[in-house]
Amino acid sequence: MVAELFGPRYRVVTGFVVVLGALVQLTGVSAVGNFSPRIFEGMGYRGMSTLGGATTFAALLAVTVASWLYLFRQAPETRGRTLEEIHEYWQNGRTWPRPVTSD
């Protein structure tokens, strides 16, 4: 599946990252992410758990909406373009490469 998502230049690197991520998760390092909020609460930091369900949901909704607006404004339309063209777009200072015309 990784080979379908990334261009030919990045398949090896992304395959390595996916396998490494799976290994890290399987070895239990992800347990830190599951238990760290409880560790902070044990030290006296209550965080968003004291705000209540509705307020927490509203804060997460605000972050989601802000993220969506940022992506809608900053991400280019990529329909019908290859991954190499999209890569060139970001490398050329957010300008699309000019199409080659055969005159």
C-alpha atoms as a PDB file:
ATOM      1  CA  MET A   1       0.000   0.000   0.000  1.00  0.00           C
ATOM      2  CA  VAL A   2       2.875   2.397   0.706  1.00  0.00           C
ATOM      3  CA  ALA A   3       4.088   2.059  -2.876  1.00  0.00           C
ATOM      4  CA  GLU A   4       0.750   3.402  -4.114  1.00  0.00           C
ATOM      5  CA  LEU A   5       0.781   6.462  -1.872  1.00  0.00           C
ATOM      6  CA  PHE A   6       4.248   7.861  -2.534  1.00  0.00           C
ATOM      7  CA  GLY A   7       6.315   8.604  -5.599  1.00  0.00           C
ATOM      8  CA  PRO A   8       9.201   6.442  -6.741  1.00  0.00           C
ATOM      9  CA  ARG A   9      11.827   8.607  -5.047  1.00  0.00           C
ATOM     10  CA  TYR A  10      10.250   8.193  -1.611  1.00  0.00           C
ATOM     11  CA  ARG A  11       9.042   4.594  -1.569  1.00  0.00           C
ATOM     12  CA  VAL A  12      12.055   3.187   0.242  1.00  0.00           C
ATOM     13  CA  VAL A  13      12.114   5.910   2.892  1.00  0.00           C
ATOM     14  CA  THR A  14       8.381   5.785   3.549  1.00  0.00           C
ATOM     15  CA  GLY A  15       8.438   2.000   3.676  1.00  0.00           C
ATOM     16  CA  PHE A  16      11.155   2.214   6.308  1.00  0.00           C
ATOM     17  CA  VAL A  17       9.201   4.765   8.332  1.00  0.00           C
ATOM     18  CA  VAL A  18       6.053   2.620   8.236  1.00  0.00           C
ATOM     19  CA  VAL A  19       7.928  -0.512   9.354  1.00  0.00           C
ATOM     20  CA  LEU A  20       9.804   1.430  12.043  1.00  0.00           C
ATOM     21  CA  GLY A  21       6.550   2.932  13.301  1.00  0.00           C
ATOM     22  CA  ALA A  22       4.957  -0.485  13.520  1.00  0.00           C
ATOM     23  CA  LEU A  23       7.945  -1.838  15.421  1.00  0.00           C
ATOM     24  CA  VAL A  24       7.907   1.072  17.863  1.00  0.00           C
ATOM     25  CA  GLN A  25       4.216   0.616  18.493  1.00  0.00           C
ATOM     26  CA  LEU A  26       4.523  -3.133  18.945  1.00  0.00           C
ATOM     27  CA  THR A  27       7.372  -2.808  21.435  1.00  0.00           C
ATOM     28  CA  GLY A  28       5.242  -0.814  23.825  1.00  0.00           C
ATOM     29  CA  VAL A  29       6.715   2.648  23.379  1.00  0.00           C
ATOM     30  CA  SER A  30       3.215   3.861  22.508  1.00  0.00           C
ATOM     31  CA  ALA A  31       2.236   3.094  26.104  1.00  0.00           C
ATOM     32  CA  VAL A  32       3.901   6.389  27.051  1.00  0.00           C
ATOM     33  CA  GLY A  33       1.252   8.231  25.074  1.00  0.00           C
ATOM     34  CA  ASN A  34      -1.511   6.286  26.780  1.00  0.00           C
ATOM     35  CA  PHE A  35      -0.268   6.774  30.326  1.00  0.00           C
ATOM     36  CA  SER A  36       1.317  10.236  30.220  1.00  0.00           C
ATOM     37  CA  PRO A  37      -1.963  12.114  30.837  1.00  0.00           C
ATOM     38  CA  ARG A  38      -2.534  10.032  33.960  1.00  0.00           C
ATOM     39  CA  ILE A  39       1.011  10.705  35.129  1.00  0.00           C
ATOM     40  CA  PHE A  40       0.450  14.461  34.832  1.00  0.00           C
ATOM     41  CA  GLU A  41      -2.876  14.195  36.631  1.00  0.00           C
ATOM     42  CA  GLY A  42      -1.135  12.293  39.426  1.00  0.00           C
ATOM     43  CA  MET A  43       1.321  15.175  39.771  1.00  0.00           C
ATOM     44  CA  GLY A  44      -1.539  17.637  40.271  1.00  0.00           C
ATOM     45  CA  TYR A  45      -2.129  18.901  36.716  1.00  0.00           C
ATOM     46  CA  ARG A  46      -5.779  18.399  35.875  1.00  0.00           C
ATOM     47  CA  GLY A  47      -5.768  19.864  32.377  1.00  0.00           C
ATOM     48  CA  MET A  48      -8.935  19.644  30.337  1.00  0.00           C
ATOM     49  CA  SER A  49     -10.514  17.013  32.559  1.00  0.00           C
ATOM     50  CA  THR A  50     -11.676  19.771  34.936  1.00  0.00           C
ATOM     51  CA  LEU A  51     -13.406  21.746  32.187  1.00  0.00           C
ATOM     52  CA  GLY A  52     -16.168  19.250  31.539  1.00  0.00           C
ATOM     53  CA  GLY A  53     -17.275  17.384  28.461  1.00  0.00           C
ATOM     54  CA  ALA A  54     -18.936  20.221  26.538  1.00  0.00           C
ATOM     55  CA  THR A  55     -16.050  22.645  26.992  1.00  0.00           C
ATOM     56  CA  THR A  56     -13.502  20.026  26.016  1.00  0.00           C
ATOM     57  CA  PHE A  57     -15.544  19.182  22.919  1.00  0.00           C
ATOM     58  CA  ALA A  58     -15.790  22.883  22.017  1.00  0.00           C
ATOM     59  CA  ALA A  59     -12.003  23.296  22.323  1.00  0.00           C
ATOM     60  CA  LEU A  60     -11.388  20.271  20.116  1.00  0.00           C
ATOM     61  CA  LEU A  61     -13.981  21.532  17.628  1.00  0.00           C
ATOM     62  CA  ALA A  62     -12.199  24.901  17.469  1.00  0.00           C
ATOM     63  CA  VAL A  63      -8.872  23.218  16.734  1.00  0.00           C
ATOM     64  CA  THR A  64     -10.490  21.073  14.037  1.00  0.00           C
ATOM     65  CA  VAL A  65     -12.139  24.051  12.340  1.00  0.00           C
ATOM     66  CA  ALA A  66      -8.920  26.097  12.475  1.00  0.00           C
ATOM     67  CA  SER A  67      -6.983  23.184  10.973  1.00  0.00           C
ATOM     68  CA  TRP A  68      -9.522  22.743   8.199  1.00  0.00           C
ATOM     69  CA  LEU A  69      -9.468  26.455   7.337  1.00  0.00           C
ATOM     70  CA  TYR A  70      -5.669  26.488   7.277  1.00  0.00           C
ATOM     71  CA  LEU A  71      -5.527  23.490   4.951  1.00  0.00           C
ATOM     72  CA  PHE A  72      -8.289  24.852   2.732  1.00  0.00           C
ATOM     73  CA  ARG A  73      -6.366  28.086   2.330  1.00  0.00           C
ATOM     74  CA  GLN A  74      -2.808  26.748   2.081  1.00  0.00           C
ATOM     75  CA  ALA A  75      -3.083  23.409   0.272  1.00  0.00           C
ATOM     76  CA  PRO A  76      -3.236  23.540  -3.538  1.00  0.00           C
ATOM     77  CA  GLU A  77      -5.713  21.710  -5.752  1.00  0.00           C
ATOM     78  CA  THR A  78      -3.944  18.549  -6.871  1.00  0.00           C
ATOM     79  CA  ARG A  79      -6.602  16.750  -8.902  1.00  0.00           C
ATOM     80  CA  GLY A  80      -5.100  15.284 -12.077  1.00  0.00           C
ATOM     81  CA  ARG A  81      -1.481  15.975 -11.092  1.00  0.00           C
ATOM     82  CA  THR A  82       1.285  13.477 -10.447  1.00  0.00           C
ATOM     83  CA  LEU A  83       3.193  13.292  -7.181  1.00  0.00           C
ATOM     84  CA  GLU A  84       6.277  14.615  -8.947  1.00  0.00           C
ATOM     85  CA  GLU A  85       4.357  17.703 -10.100  1.00  0.00           C
ATOM     86  CA  ILE A  86       3.100  18.305  -6.571  1.00  0.00           C
ATOM     87  CA  HIS A  87       6.646  17.948  -5.252  1.00  0.00           C
ATOM     88  CA  GLU A  88       7.883  20.486  -7.811  1.00  0.00           C
ATOM     89  CA  TYR A  89       5.109  22.853  -6.711  1.00  0.00           C
ATOM     90  CA  TRP A  90       6.470  22.940  -3.152  1.00  0.00           C
ATOM     91  CA  GLN A  91      10.097  23.083  -4.313  1.00  0.00           C
ATOM     92  CA  ASN A  92       9.429  26.015  -6.697  1.00  0.00           C
ATOM     93  CA  GLY A  93       8.032  28.331  -4.069  1.00  0.00           C
ATOM     94  CA  ARG A  94       4.387  27.291  -4.458  1.00  0.00           C
ATOM     95  CA  THR A  95       4.193  27.787  -8.217  1.00  0.00           C
ATOM     96  CA  TRP A  96       3.108  25.089 -10.620  1.00  0.00           C
ATOM     97  CA  PRO A  97       5.636  24.023 -13.238  1.00  0.00           C
ATOM     98  CA  ARG A  98       4.843  25.364 -16.684  1.00  0.00           C
ATOM     99  CA  PRO A  99       3.466  22.779 -19.085  1.00  0.00           C
ATOM    100  CA  VAL A 100       5.766  21.839 -21.942  1.00  0.00           C
ATOM    101  CA  THR A 101       4.266  22.863 -25.259  1.00  0.00           C
ATOM    102  CA  SER A 102       5.392  21.309 -28.519  1.00  0.00           C
ATOM    103  CA  ASP A 103       5.269  24.106 -31.094  1.00  0.00           C
END
